[in-house]
Amino acid sequence: MINQKQDEGRIAVIGERSISMGFRLIGIEDTFEAEGKEALEKLQSIEKSGKYSVIFVSESLKSVMDTRMLNYYESTLKPLVMFIPLPGVDREESLETMAKRILGVDIGR
């Protein structure tokens, strides 16, 4: 039998009020309202805790990350960090780009 941690599979959300409240309304309990450097510190803290498999983070957090840090969070799988746009911002990552980033598979060919 595989020994799984009790916390595996948990989801966290870090972002502006509109993001954190939206996820809280659909039942995700671990939502953290934070912006800028405070949000970055929260992301680092949550990642180090090892309690979460998926962390949704506001895309605005990218502006306070250096290139190395951004590359790390965009390529890590444990936990999987997904950047999500603010409501009303029309920028969507294509399925092909997401598959290549997460799975390393180019499905566009």
PDB file of N, CA and C in Angstrom:
ATOM      1  N   MET A   1       0.840  -1.186   0.000  1.00  0.00           N
ATOM      2  CA  MET A   1       0.000   0.000   0.000  1.00  0.00           C
ATOM      3  C   MET A   1       0.877   1.239   0.000  1.00  0.00           C
ATOM      4  N   ILE A   2       0.513   2.226  -0.779  1.00  0.00           N
ATOM      5  CA  ILE A   2       1.281   3.463  -0.864  1.00  0.00           C
ATOM      6  C   ILE A   2       0.975   4.308   0.359  1.00  0.00           C
ATOM      7  N   ASN A   3       2.019   4.832   0.976  1.00  0.00           N
ATOM      8  CA  ASN A   3       1.863   5.682   2.151  1.00  0.00           C
ATOM      9  C   ASN A   3       1.694   7.131   1.698  1.00  0.00           C
ATOM     10  N   GLN A   4       0.472   7.628   1.703  1.00  0.00           N
ATOM     11  CA  GLN A   4       0.209   8.993   1.285  1.00  0.00           C
ATOM     12  C   GLN A   4       0.049   9.888   2.491  1.00  0.00           C
ATOM     13  N   LYS A   5       0.553  11.112   2.364  1.00  0.00           N
ATOM     14  CA  LYS A   5       0.317  12.099   3.400  1.00  0.00           C
ATOM     15  C   LYS A   5      -1.164  12.449   3.405  1.00  0.00           C
ATOM     16  N   GLN A   6      -1.670  12.774   4.562  1.00  0.00           N
ATOM     17  CA  GLN A   6      -3.077  13.135   4.673  1.00  0.00           C
ATOM     18  C   GLN A   6      -3.387  14.410   3.894  1.00  0.00           C
ATOM     19  N   ASP A   7      -2.396  15.296   3.771  1.00  0.00           N
ATOM     20  CA  ASP A   7      -2.622  16.585   3.133  1.00  0.00           C
ATOM     21  C   ASP A   7      -2.502  16.549   1.614  1.00  0.00           C
ATOM     22  N   GLU A   8      -2.035  15.453   1.035  1.00  0.00           N
ATOM     23  CA  GLU A   8      -1.887  15.411  -0.412  1.00  0.00           C
ATOM     24  C   GLU A   8      -3.222  15.641  -1.097  1.00  0.00           C
ATOM     25  N   GLY A   9      -3.173  16.373  -2.192  1.00  0.00           N
ATOM     26  CA  GLY A   9      -4.385  16.651  -2.936  1.00  0.00           C
ATOM     27  C   GLY A   9      -5.058  17.951  -2.546  1.00  0.00           C
ATOM     28  N   ARG A  10      -4.526  18.641  -1.554  1.00  0.00           N
ATOM     29  CA  ARG A  10      -5.131  19.910  -1.132  1.00  0.00           C
ATOM     30  C   ARG A  10      -4.834  21.000  -2.146  1.00  0.00           C
ATOM     31  N   ILE A  11      -5.747  21.949  -2.223  1.00  0.00           N
ATOM     32  CA  ILE A  11      -5.639  23.069  -3.153  1.00  0.00           C
ATOM     33  C   ILE A  11      -5.602  24.360  -2.353  1.00  0.00           C
ATOM     34  N   ALA A  12      -4.710  25.261  -2.747  1.00  0.00           N
ATOM     35  CA  ALA A  12      -4.633  26.591  -2.139  1.00  0.00           C
ATOM     36  C   ALA A  12      -4.795  27.639  -3.231  1.00  0.00           C
ATOM     37  N   VAL A  13      -5.280  28.803  -2.838  1.00  0.00           N
ATOM     38  CA  VAL A  13      -5.456  29.919  -3.761  1.00  0.00           C
ATOM     39  C   VAL A  13      -4.866  31.163  -3.111  1.00  0.00           C
ATOM     40  N   ILE A  14      -4.041  31.901  -3.861  1.00  0.00           N
ATOM     41  CA  ILE A  14      -3.442  33.142  -3.376  1.00  0.00           C
ATOM     42  C   ILE A  14      -3.731  34.228  -4.398  1.00  0.00           C
ATOM     43  N   GLY A  15      -4.301  35.332  -3.949  1.00  0.00           N
ATOM     44  CA  GLY A  15      -4.540  36.414  -4.892  1.00  0.00           C
ATOM     45  C   GLY A  15      -5.404  37.516  -4.327  1.00  0.00           C
ATOM     46  N   GLU A  16      -5.787  38.392  -5.218  1.00  0.00           N
ATOM     47  CA  GLU A  16      -6.625  39.515  -4.863  1.00  0.00           C
ATOM     48  C   GLU A  16      -7.971  39.018  -4.344  1.00  0.00           C
ATOM     49  N   ARG A  17      -8.688  39.919  -3.725  1.00  0.00           N
ATOM     50  CA  ARG A  17      -9.987  39.574  -3.129  1.00  0.00           C
ATOM     51  C   ARG A  17     -10.920  38.893  -4.130  1.00  0.00           C
ATOM     52  N   SER A  18     -10.991  39.411  -5.354  1.00  0.00           N
ATOM     53  CA  SER A  18     -11.912  38.840  -6.346  1.00  0.00           C
ATOM     54  C   SER A  18     -11.554  37.393  -6.688  1.00  0.00           C
ATOM     55  N   ILE A  19     -10.289  37.062  -6.661  1.00  0.00           N
ATOM     56  CA  ILE A  19      -9.870  35.685  -6.942  1.00  0.00           C
ATOM     57  C   ILE A  19     -10.120  34.800  -5.731  1.00  0.00           C
ATOM     58  N   SER A  20      -9.646  35.228  -4.578  1.00  0.00           N
ATOM     59  CA  SER A  20      -9.780  34.375  -3.388  1.00  0.00           C
ATOM     60  C   SER A  20     -11.247  34.145  -3.024  1.00  0.00           C
ATOM     61  N   MET A  21     -12.081  35.158  -3.139  1.00  0.00           N
ATOM     62  CA  MET A  21     -13.501  35.002  -2.814  1.00  0.00           C
ATOM     63  C   MET A  21     -14.195  34.067  -3.810  1.00  0.00           C
ATOM     64  N   GLY A  22     -13.842  34.177  -5.077  1.00  0.00           N
ATOM     65  CA  GLY A  22     -14.444  33.309  -6.082  1.00  0.00           C
ATOM     66  C   GLY A  22     -14.171  31.841  -5.802  1.00  0.00           C
ATOM     67  N   PHE A  23     -12.948  31.523  -5.463  1.00  0.00           N
ATOM     68  CA  PHE A  23     -12.606  30.133  -5.161  1.00  0.00           C
ATOM     69  C   PHE A  23     -13.224  29.681  -3.836  1.00  0.00           C
ATOM     70  N   ARG A  24     -13.308  30.591  -2.887  1.00  0.00           N
ATOM     71  CA  ARG A  24     -13.941  30.246  -1.606  1.00  0.00           C
ATOM     72  C   ARG A  24     -15.417  29.911  -1.825  1.00  0.00           C
ATOM     73  N   LEU A  25     -16.061  30.634  -2.726  1.00  0.00           N
ATOM     74  CA  LEU A  25     -17.481  30.393  -3.007  1.00  0.00           C
ATOM     75  C   LEU A  25     -17.737  29.028  -3.640  1.00  0.00           C
ATOM     76  N   ILE A  26     -16.740  28.488  -4.338  1.00  0.00           N
ATOM     77  CA  ILE A  26     -16.936  27.159  -4.931  1.00  0.00           C
ATOM     78  C   ILE A  26     -16.430  26.042  -4.009  1.00  0.00           C
ATOM     79  N   GLY A  27     -16.059  26.402  -2.787  1.00  0.00           N
ATOM     80  CA  GLY A  27     -15.753  25.385  -1.791  1.00  0.00           C
ATOM     81  C   GLY A  27     -14.299  25.157  -1.446  1.00  0.00           C
ATOM     82  N   ILE A  28     -13.388  25.927  -2.021  1.00  0.00           N
ATOM     83  CA  ILE A  28     -11.979  25.769  -1.658  1.00  0.00           C
ATOM     84  C   ILE A  28     -11.719  26.586  -0.396  1.00  0.00           C
ATOM     85  N   GLU A  29     -11.364  25.893   0.658  1.00  0.00           N
ATOM     86  CA  GLU A  29     -11.220  26.528   1.972  1.00  0.00           C
ATOM     87  C   GLU A  29      -9.922  27.306   2.131  1.00  0.00           C
ATOM     88  N   ASP A  30      -8.841  26.798   1.561  1.00  0.00           N
ATOM     89  CA  ASP A  30      -7.534  27.408   1.776  1.00  0.00           C
ATOM     90  C   ASP A  30      -7.278  28.513   0.759  1.00  0.00           C
ATOM     91  N   THR A  31      -7.940  29.639   0.967  1.00  0.00           N
ATOM     92  CA  THR A  31      -7.762  30.798   0.105  1.00  0.00           C
ATOM     93  C   THR A  31      -7.108  31.901   0.916  1.00  0.00           C
ATOM     94  N   PHE A  32      -6.167  32.591   0.290  1.00  0.00           N
ATOM     95  CA  PHE A  32      -5.406  33.617   0.975  1.00  0.00           C
ATOM     96  C   PHE A  32      -5.458  34.901   0.166  1.00  0.00           C
ATOM     97  N   GLU A  33      -5.996  35.932   0.752  1.00  0.00           N
ATOM     98  CA  GLU A  33      -6.105  37.226   0.086  1.00  0.00           C
ATOM     99  C   GLU A  33      -4.807  37.992   0.316  1.00  0.00           C
ATOM    100  N   ALA A  34      -4.034  38.177  -0.749  1.00  0.00           N
ATOM    101  CA  ALA A  34      -2.752  38.864  -0.653  1.00  0.00           C
ATOM    102  C   ALA A  34      -2.345  39.360  -2.035  1.00  0.00           C
ATOM    103  N   GLU A  35      -1.512  40.394  -2.040  1.00  0.00           N
ATOM    104  CA  GLU A  35      -1.016  40.957  -3.290  1.00  0.00           C
ATOM    105  C   GLU A  35       0.465  41.268  -3.156  1.00  0.00           C
ATOM    106  N   GLY A  36       1.140  41.407  -4.291  1.00  0.00           N
ATOM    107  CA  GLY A  36       2.533  41.846  -4.316  1.00  0.00           C
ATOM    108  C   GLY A  36       3.465  40.951  -3.523  1.00  0.00           C
ATOM    109  N   LYS A  37       4.385  41.593  -2.805  1.00  0.00           N
ATOM    110  CA  LYS A  37       5.403  40.858  -2.040  1.00  0.00           C
ATOM    111  C   LYS A  37       4.777  39.980  -0.957  1.00  0.00           C
ATOM    112  N   GLU A  38       3.685  40.436  -0.383  1.00  0.00           N
ATOM    113  CA  GLU A  38       2.992  39.630   0.633  1.00  0.00           C
ATOM    114  C   GLU A  38       2.496  38.310   0.018  1.00  0.00           C
ATOM    115  N   ALA A  39       1.971  38.381  -1.189  1.00  0.00           N
ATOM    116  CA  ALA A  39       1.497  37.181  -1.875  1.00  0.00           C
ATOM    117  C   ALA A  39       2.666  36.258  -2.222  1.00  0.00           C
ATOM    118  N   LEU A  40       3.783  36.834  -2.621  1.00  0.00           N
ATOM    119  CA  LEU A  40       4.962  36.037  -2.938  1.00  0.00           C
ATOM    120  C   LEU A  40       5.466  35.301  -1.696  1.00  0.00           C
ATOM    121  N   GLU A  41       5.505  35.983  -0.567  1.00  0.00           N
ATOM    122  CA  GLU A  41       5.918  35.353   0.687  1.00  0.00           C
ATOM    123  C   GLU A  41       4.959  34.219   1.061  1.00  0.00           C
ATOM    124  N   LYS A  42       3.667  34.431   0.831  1.00  0.00           N
ATOM    125  CA  LYS A  42       2.673  33.405   1.129  1.00  0.00           C
ATOM    126  C   LYS A  42       2.875  32.188   0.222  1.00  0.00           C
ATOM    127  N   LEU A  43       3.132  32.419  -1.057  1.00  0.00           N
ATOM    128  CA  LEU A  43       3.390  31.327  -1.997  1.00  0.00           C
ATOM    129  C   LEU A  43       4.594  30.507  -1.542  1.00  0.00           C
ATOM    130  N   GLN A  44       5.674  31.179  -1.185  1.00  0.00           N
ATOM    131  CA  GLN A  44       6.872  30.476  -0.749  1.00  0.00           C
ATOM    132  C   GLN A  44       6.612  29.683   0.530  1.00  0.00           C
ATOM    133  N   SER A  45       5.866  30.252   1.437  1.00  0.00           N
ATOM    134  CA  SER A  45       5.530  29.578   2.691  1.00  0.00           C
ATOM    135  C   SER A  45       4.668  28.337   2.449  1.00  0.00           C
ATOM    136  N   ILE A  46       3.664  28.489   1.606  1.00  0.00           N
ATOM    137  CA  ILE A  46       2.766  27.378   1.295  1.00  0.00           C
ATOM    138  C   ILE A  46       3.517  26.261   0.575  1.00  0.00           C
ATOM    139  N   GLU A  47       4.385  26.631  -0.345  1.00  0.00           N
ATOM    140  CA  GLU A  47       5.153  25.619  -1.072  1.00  0.00           C
ATOM    141  C   GLU A  47       6.041  24.831  -0.107  1.00  0.00           C
ATOM    142  N   LYS A  48       6.704  25.517   0.789  1.00  0.00           N
ATOM    143  CA  LYS A  48       7.601  24.854   1.747  1.00  0.00           C
ATOM    144  C   LYS A  48       6.853  23.950   2.718  1.00  0.00           C
ATOM    145  N   SER A  49       5.585  24.242   2.966  1.00  0.00           N
ATOM    146  CA  SER A  49       4.815  23.442   3.922  1.00  0.00           C
ATOM    147  C   SER A  49       4.612  22.008   3.434  1.00  0.00           C
ATOM    148  N   GLY A  50       4.590  21.820   2.104  1.00  0.00           N
ATOM    149  CA  GLY A  50       4.384  20.487   1.542  1.00  0.00           C
ATOM    150  C   GLY A  50       2.958  19.978   1.674  1.00  0.00           C
ATOM    151  N   LYS A  51       2.022  20.835   2.055  1.00  0.00           N
ATOM    152  CA  LYS A  51       0.638  20.416   2.294  1.00  0.00           C
ATOM    153  C   LYS A  51      -0.237  20.447   1.048  1.00  0.00           C
ATOM    154  N   TYR A  52       0.236  21.077  -0.020  1.00  0.00           N
ATOM    155  CA  TYR A  52      -0.636  21.311  -1.169  1.00  0.00           C
ATOM    156  C   TYR A  52      -0.091  20.672  -2.435  1.00  0.00           C
ATOM    157  N   SER A  53      -0.998  20.128  -3.243  1.00  0.00           N
ATOM    158  CA  SER A  53      -0.634  19.560  -4.545  1.00  0.00           C
ATOM    159  C   SER A  53      -0.804  20.585  -5.656  1.00  0.00           C
ATOM    160  N   VAL A  54      -1.763  21.496  -5.494  1.00  0.00           N
ATOM    161  CA  VAL A  54      -2.040  22.523  -6.494  1.00  0.00           C
ATOM    162  C   VAL A  54      -2.179  23.867  -5.783  1.00  0.00           C
ATOM    163  N   ILE A  55      -1.519  24.883  -6.350  1.00  0.00           N
ATOM    164  CA  ILE A  55      -1.635  26.240  -5.825  1.00  0.00           C
ATOM    165  C   ILE A  55      -2.020  27.150  -6.985  1.00  0.00           C
ATOM    166  N   PHE A  56      -3.197  27.754  -6.892  1.00  0.00           N
ATOM    167  CA  PHE A  56      -3.626  28.751  -7.870  1.00  0.00           C
ATOM    168  C   PHE A  56      -3.161  30.107  -7.367  1.00  0.00           C
ATOM    169  N   VAL A  57      -2.498  30.868  -8.257  1.00  0.00           N
ATOM    170  CA  VAL A  57      -1.918  32.151  -7.883  1.00  0.00           C
ATOM    171  C   VAL A  57      -2.335  33.200  -8.903  1.00  0.00           C
ATOM    172  N   SER A  58      -2.639  34.391  -8.418  1.00  0.00           N
ATOM    173  CA  SER A  58      -2.975  35.482  -9.320  1.00  0.00           C
ATOM    174  C   SER A  58      -1.824  35.748 -10.278  1.00  0.00           C
ATOM    175  N   GLU A  59      -2.153  35.941 -11.531  1.00  0.00           N
ATOM    176  CA  GLU A  59      -1.144  36.227 -12.548  1.00  0.00           C
ATOM    177  C   GLU A  59      -0.388  37.524 -12.247  1.00  0.00           C
ATOM    178  N   SER A  60      -0.997  38.430 -11.500  1.00  0.00           N
ATOM    179  CA  SER A  60      -0.332  39.683 -11.161  1.00  0.00           C
ATOM    180  C   SER A  60       0.921  39.466 -10.320  1.00  0.00           C
ATOM    181  N   LEU A  61       1.035  38.301  -9.696  1.00  0.00           N
ATOM    182  CA  LEU A  61       2.203  37.993  -8.875  1.00  0.00           C
ATOM    183  C   LEU A  61       3.472  37.864  -9.718  1.00  0.00           C
ATOM    184  N   LYS A  62       3.310  37.565 -10.998  1.00  0.00           N
ATOM    185  CA  LYS A  62       4.468  37.452 -11.879  1.00  0.00           C
ATOM    186  C   LYS A  62       5.300  38.735 -11.897  1.00  0.00           C
ATOM    187  N   SER A  63       4.665  39.876 -11.692  1.00  0.00           N
ATOM    188  CA  SER A  63       5.377  41.157 -11.764  1.00  0.00           C
ATOM    189  C   SER A  63       6.354  41.369 -10.614  1.00  0.00           C
ATOM    190  N   VAL A  64       6.229  40.615  -9.521  1.00  0.00           N
ATOM    191  CA  VAL A  64       7.165  40.766  -8.399  1.00  0.00           C
ATOM    192  C   VAL A  64       8.180  39.620  -8.341  1.00  0.00           C
ATOM    193  N   MET A  65       8.161  38.743  -9.339  1.00  0.00           N
ATOM    194  CA  MET A  65       9.107  37.622  -9.386  1.00  0.00           C
ATOM    195  C   MET A  65      10.241  37.933 -10.348  1.00  0.00           C
ATOM    196  N   ASP A  66      11.445  37.482  -9.989  1.00  0.00           N
ATOM    197  CA  ASP A  66      12.531  37.580 -10.960  1.00  0.00           C
ATOM    198  C   ASP A  66      12.384  36.414 -11.942  1.00  0.00           C
ATOM    199  N   THR A  67      13.132  36.453 -13.018  1.00  0.00           N
ATOM    200  CA  THR A  67      12.995  35.463 -14.088  1.00  0.00           C
ATOM    201  C   THR A  67      13.239  34.038 -13.602  1.00  0.00           C
ATOM    202  N   ARG A  68      14.258  33.848 -12.786  1.00  0.00           N
ATOM    203  CA  ARG A  68      14.577  32.510 -12.291  1.00  0.00           C
ATOM    204  C   ARG A  68      13.433  31.938 -11.460  1.00  0.00           C
ATOM    205  N   MET A  69      12.880  32.774 -10.585  1.00  0.00           N
ATOM    206  CA  MET A  69      11.775  32.339  -9.731  1.00  0.00           C
ATOM    207  C   MET A  69      10.533  32.029 -10.570  1.00  0.00           C
ATOM    208  N   LEU A  70      10.245  32.891 -11.526  1.00  0.00           N
ATOM    209  CA  LEU A  70       9.085  32.674 -12.399  1.00  0.00           C
ATOM    210  C   LEU A  70       9.236  31.371 -13.180  1.00  0.00           C
ATOM    211  N   ASN A  71      10.413  31.112 -13.729  1.00  0.00           N
ATOM    212  CA  ASN A  71      10.650  29.866 -14.458  1.00  0.00           C
ATOM    213  C   ASN A  71      10.457  28.653 -13.555  1.00  0.00           C
ATOM    214  N   TYR A  72      10.920  28.761 -12.326  1.00  0.00           N
ATOM    215  CA  TYR A  72      10.766  27.657 -11.371  1.00  0.00           C
ATOM    216  C   TYR A  72       9.287  27.357 -11.133  1.00  0.00           C
ATOM    217  N   TYR A  73       8.508  28.396 -10.798  1.00  0.00           N
ATOM    218  CA  TYR A  73       7.101  28.176 -10.486  1.00  0.00           C
ATOM    219  C   TYR A  73       6.293  27.756 -11.709  1.00  0.00           C
ATOM    220  N   GLU A  74       6.698  28.168 -12.895  1.00  0.00           N
ATOM    221  CA  GLU A  74       5.983  27.760 -14.102  1.00  0.00           C
ATOM    222  C   GLU A  74       6.301  26.320 -14.506  1.00  0.00           C
ATOM    223  N   SER A  75       7.389  25.756 -13.982  1.00  0.00           N
ATOM    224  CA  SER A  75       7.762  24.407 -14.385  1.00  0.00           C
ATOM    225  C   SER A  75       7.642  23.368 -13.270  1.00  0.00           C
ATOM    226  N   THR A  76       7.411  23.793 -12.037  1.00  0.00           N
ATOM    227  CA  THR A  76       7.313  22.833 -10.940  1.00  0.00           C
ATOM    228  C   THR A  76       6.015  22.029 -11.034  1.00  0.00           C
ATOM    229  N   LEU A  77       6.111  20.771 -10.684  1.00  0.00           N
ATOM    230  CA  LEU A  77       4.934  19.904 -10.706  1.00  0.00           C
ATOM    231  C   LEU A  77       4.481  19.509  -9.304  1.00  0.00           C
ATOM    232  N   LYS A  78       5.328  19.658  -8.314  1.00  0.00           N
ATOM    233  CA  LYS A  78       4.984  19.278  -6.944  1.00  0.00           C
ATOM    234  C   LYS A  78       5.375  20.387  -6.004  1.00  0.00           C
ATOM    235  N   PRO A  79       4.537  21.309  -5.693  1.00  0.00           N
ATOM    236  CA  PRO A  79       3.154  21.411  -6.133  1.00  0.00           C
ATOM    237  C   PRO A  79       3.055  22.049  -7.522  1.00  0.00           C
ATOM    238  N   LEU A  80       1.947  21.801  -8.178  1.00  0.00           N
ATOM    239  CA  LEU A  80       1.663  22.431  -9.457  1.00  0.00           C
ATOM    240  C   LEU A  80       1.164  23.847  -9.163  1.00  0.00           C
ATOM    241  N   VAL A  81       1.850  24.842  -9.724  1.00  0.00           N
ATOM    242  CA  VAL A  81       1.459  26.239  -9.525  1.00  0.00           C
ATOM    243  C   VAL A  81       0.825  26.724 -10.819  1.00  0.00           C
ATOM    244  N   MET A  82      -0.431  27.151 -10.723  1.00  0.00           N
ATOM    245  CA  MET A  82      -1.168  27.635 -11.884  1.00  0.00           C
ATOM    246  C   MET A  82      -1.437  29.123 -11.717  1.00  0.00           C
ATOM    247  N   PHE A  83      -0.986  29.919 -12.674  1.00  0.00           N
ATOM    248  CA  PHE A  83      -1.244  31.356 -12.644  1.00  0.00           C
ATOM    249  C   PHE A  83      -2.585  31.609 -13.323  1.00  0.00           C
ATOM    250  N   ILE A  84      -3.423  32.373 -12.655  1.00  0.00           N
ATOM    251  CA  ILE A  84      -4.743  32.652 -13.202  1.00  0.00           C
ATOM    252  C   ILE A  84      -4.931  34.158 -13.352  1.00  0.00           C
ATOM    253  N   PRO A  85      -5.550  34.576 -14.444  1.00  0.00           N
ATOM    254  CA  PRO A  85      -5.756  36.011 -14.670  1.00  0.00           C
ATOM    255  C   PRO A  85      -6.844  36.567 -13.750  1.00  0.00           C
ATOM    256  N   LEU A  86      -6.746  37.849 -13.506  1.00  0.00           N
ATOM    257  CA  LEU A  86      -7.791  38.523 -12.741  1.00  0.00           C
ATOM    258  C   LEU A  86      -9.077  38.529 -13.557  1.00  0.00           C
ATOM    259  N   PRO A  87     -10.210  38.467 -12.886  1.00  0.00           N
ATOM    260  CA  PRO A  87     -11.482  38.551 -13.620  1.00  0.00           C
ATOM    261  C   PRO A  87     -11.530  39.825 -14.459  1.00  0.00           C
ATOM    262  N   GLY A  88     -11.967  39.680 -15.686  1.00  0.00           N
ATOM    263  CA  GLY A  88     -12.065  40.829 -16.579  1.00  0.00           C
ATOM    264  C   GLY A  88     -10.830  41.052 -17.428  1.00  0.00           C
ATOM    265  N   VAL A  89      -9.734  40.346 -17.137  1.00  0.00           N
ATOM    266  CA  VAL A  89      -8.520  40.460 -17.935  1.00  0.00           C
ATOM    267  C   VAL A  89      -8.575  39.381 -19.003  1.00  0.00           C
ATOM    268  N   ASP A  90      -8.474  39.788 -20.245  1.00  0.00           N
ATOM    269  CA  ASP A  90      -8.643  38.851 -21.347  1.00  0.00           C
ATOM    270  C   ASP A  90      -7.294  38.311 -21.810  1.00  0.00           C
ATOM    271  N   ARG A  91      -6.749  37.393 -21.025  1.00  0.00           N
ATOM    272  CA  ARG A  91      -5.507  36.711 -21.410  1.00  0.00           C
ATOM    273  C   ARG A  91      -5.641  35.267 -20.977  1.00  0.00           C
ATOM    274  N   GLU A  92      -5.672  34.399 -21.945  1.00  0.00           N
ATOM    275  CA  GLU A  92      -5.867  32.989 -21.644  1.00  0.00           C
ATOM    276  C   GLU A  92      -4.740  32.183 -22.278  1.00  0.00           C
ATOM    277  N   GLU A  93      -4.123  31.318 -21.488  1.00  0.00           N
ATOM    278  CA  GLU A  93      -3.077  30.449 -21.988  1.00  0.00           C
ATOM    279  C   GLU A  93      -3.735  29.367 -22.842  1.00  0.00           C
ATOM    280  N   SER A  94      -3.185  29.147 -24.027  1.00  0.00           N
ATOM    281  CA  SER A  94      -3.771  28.139 -24.896  1.00  0.00           C
ATOM    282  C   SER A  94      -3.531  26.750 -24.315  1.00  0.00           C
ATOM    283  N   LEU A  95      -4.370  25.819 -24.704  1.00  0.00           N
ATOM    284  CA  LEU A  95      -4.238  24.438 -24.273  1.00  0.00           C
ATOM    285  C   LEU A  95      -2.879  23.876 -24.696  1.00  0.00           C
ATOM    286  N   GLU A  96      -2.443  24.217 -25.903  1.00  0.00           N
ATOM    287  CA  GLU A  96      -1.155  23.734 -26.392  1.00  0.00           C
ATOM    288  C   GLU A  96      -0.011  24.239 -25.527  1.00  0.00           C
ATOM    289  N   THR A  97      -0.037  25.524 -25.185  1.00  0.00           N
ATOM    290  CA  THR A  97       1.014  26.113 -24.353  1.00  0.00           C
ATOM    291  C   THR A  97       1.012  25.504 -22.960  1.00  0.00           C
ATOM    292  N   MET A  98      -0.176  25.319 -22.399  1.00  0.00           N
ATOM    293  CA  MET A  98      -0.280  24.749 -21.066  1.00  0.00           C
ATOM    294  C   MET A  98       0.228  23.311 -21.045  1.00  0.00           C
ATOM    295  N   ALA A  99      -0.123  22.515 -22.045  1.00  0.00           N
ATOM    296  CA  ALA A  99       0.326  21.124 -22.108  1.00  0.00           C
ATOM    297  C   ALA A  99       1.845  21.063 -22.230  1.00  0.00           C
ATOM    298  N   LYS A 100       2.405  21.934 -23.037  1.00  0.00           N
ATOM    299  CA  LYS A 100       3.859  21.943 -23.202  1.00  0.00           C
ATOM    300  C   LYS A 100       4.542  22.347 -21.905  1.00  0.00           C
ATOM    301  N   ARG A 101       4.003  23.348 -21.210  1.00  0.00           N
ATOM    302  CA  ARG A 101       4.594  23.830 -19.966  1.00  0.00           C
ATOM    303  C   ARG A 101       4.482  22.795 -18.856  1.00  0.00           C
ATOM    304  N   ILE A 102       3.322  22.182 -18.712  1.00  0.00           N
ATOM    305  CA  ILE A 102       3.079  21.272 -17.598  1.00  0.00           C
ATOM    306  C   ILE A 102       3.583  19.857 -17.892  1.00  0.00           C
ATOM    307  N   LEU A 103       3.264  19.362 -19.079  1.00  0.00           N
ATOM    308  CA  LEU A 103       3.572  17.974 -19.393  1.00  0.00           C
ATOM    309  C   LEU A 103       4.834  17.789 -20.223  1.00  0.00           C
ATOM    310  N   GLY A 104       5.319  18.886 -20.813  1.00  0.00           N
ATOM    311  CA  GLY A 104       6.480  18.774 -21.681  1.00  0.00           C
ATOM    312  C   GLY A 104       6.153  18.150 -23.016  1.00  0.00           C
ATOM    313  N   VAL A 105       4.866  18.220 -23.401  1.00  0.00           N
ATOM    314  CA  VAL A 105       4.390  17.597 -24.646  1.00  0.00           C
ATOM    315  C   VAL A 105       3.865  18.700 -25.562  1.00  0.00           C
ATOM    316  N   ASP A 106       4.347  18.706 -26.811  1.00  0.00           N
ATOM    317  CA  ASP A 106       3.857  19.679 -27.785  1.00  0.00           C
ATOM    318  C   ASP A 106       2.720  19.034 -28.561  1.00  0.00           C
ATOM    319  N   ILE A 107       1.469  19.355 -28.178  1.00  0.00           N
ATOM    320  CA  ILE A 107       0.310  18.750 -28.830  1.00  0.00           C
ATOM    321  C   ILE A 107      -0.112  19.508 -30.082  1.00  0.00           C
ATOM    322  N   GLY A 108       0.564  20.595 -30.396  1.00  0.00           N
ATOM    323  CA  GLY A 108       0.219  21.406 -31.565  1.00  0.00           C
ATOM    324  C   GLY A 108       0.793  20.874 -32.856  1.00  0.00           C
ATOM    325  N   ARG A 109       1.617  19.861 -32.779  1.00  0.00           N
ATOM    326  CA  ARG A 109       2.258  19.314 -34.001  1.00  0.00           C
ATOM    327  C   ARG A 109       1.526  18.136 -34.529  1.00  0.00           C
TER     328      ARG A 109
END
